[in-house]
Amino acid sequence: MRVIDVATANSDILAAMEIRPPETSAGLGAPRGAAETAAGSTRATPRRFLRRSARAVGYALAGLAAAFGLGFVVFAVTVSLTEIPADPRADAIIALTGGRDRVAEAVDLLAEGRGRRLLISGVHPRTSAADIRKLTEGDGTVFACCVDLGRTALSTAGNATEAAEWVKEHGFTSLIVVTSAYHMPRSLLELDRALPSVRKVPYPVSRPDLNLETWYRHPTTAKLLFGEYLKYIVARFAHQAPQITATRVARVGGDAAR
């Protein structure tokens, strides 16, 4: 019969029951579970960044859309509340072509002595002064002495350039600006650029069929206002961008001089 060494057996049992450390990964001594968790966290970091970035971009776009929509509402309401001045007077009058009502109102202002001379800007090359006089039923004597036709302007910016040359030629210091109510903000923007030192008196003309006071009820009028709002934003940005660039260049030059 084999005799079992109790002490040795107990020692073997204890050795078998001994708790061993978990297997390491890549022989670096780090627990495998911890390494897998770290790898998963590393993979999750780019995804979390992308989600946060997408959310931030979404918020920014929503904010821009809200600001753009609010700007349009303010623009439309401002246009709808525009009123004709009670007693408009200036050195001269300028009418921006684009409708019979604009020119007719300007001719009436000239006949009333509201200004000494009238420029009708943006006249088609084939249109004569006689044609305009018949269309507006204006006084032939007034047309003969005091009405000038500008034929070079093809846009609102062109109107402003044409007006600037005419104003400087005659030495005028103030202008009554006659154009449609919805066109007035952009017209004044362009005229302020071309004639910053000349006083402007807005004289908005509104066709009754446009229903500007209730523009939100009329899709055609709302579409017209929205289109003009887009043009106004583009024109405003076009004038501000060079100013911003010039300011930054001046700052950089100043810093370099220091």
Foldseek 3Di string as FASTA:
>chain_A
DDDDDPVVVVVVVVVVVDDDDADDPPPPPHHPVVVVVVVVVVVVVVVVVVVVVVVVVVVVVVVVVVVLVVVLVVLLQVLLPDDFDPQAAFAEEEFEDDDLQQLLVRLVCVVVVRHPAYEYAQDAPVDDLVNNCVSNVHDPVCSVPHYHYHHPDDDLLSRLQSVLVVCVVVVTQEYEYTDASLQVLQNVVSNCVSRVRHHYHYGHDYDPVLPSNPNVVPVVNSVVSVVSSVVSVVSVCVVVVVVVVVVVVVVVVVVVVD
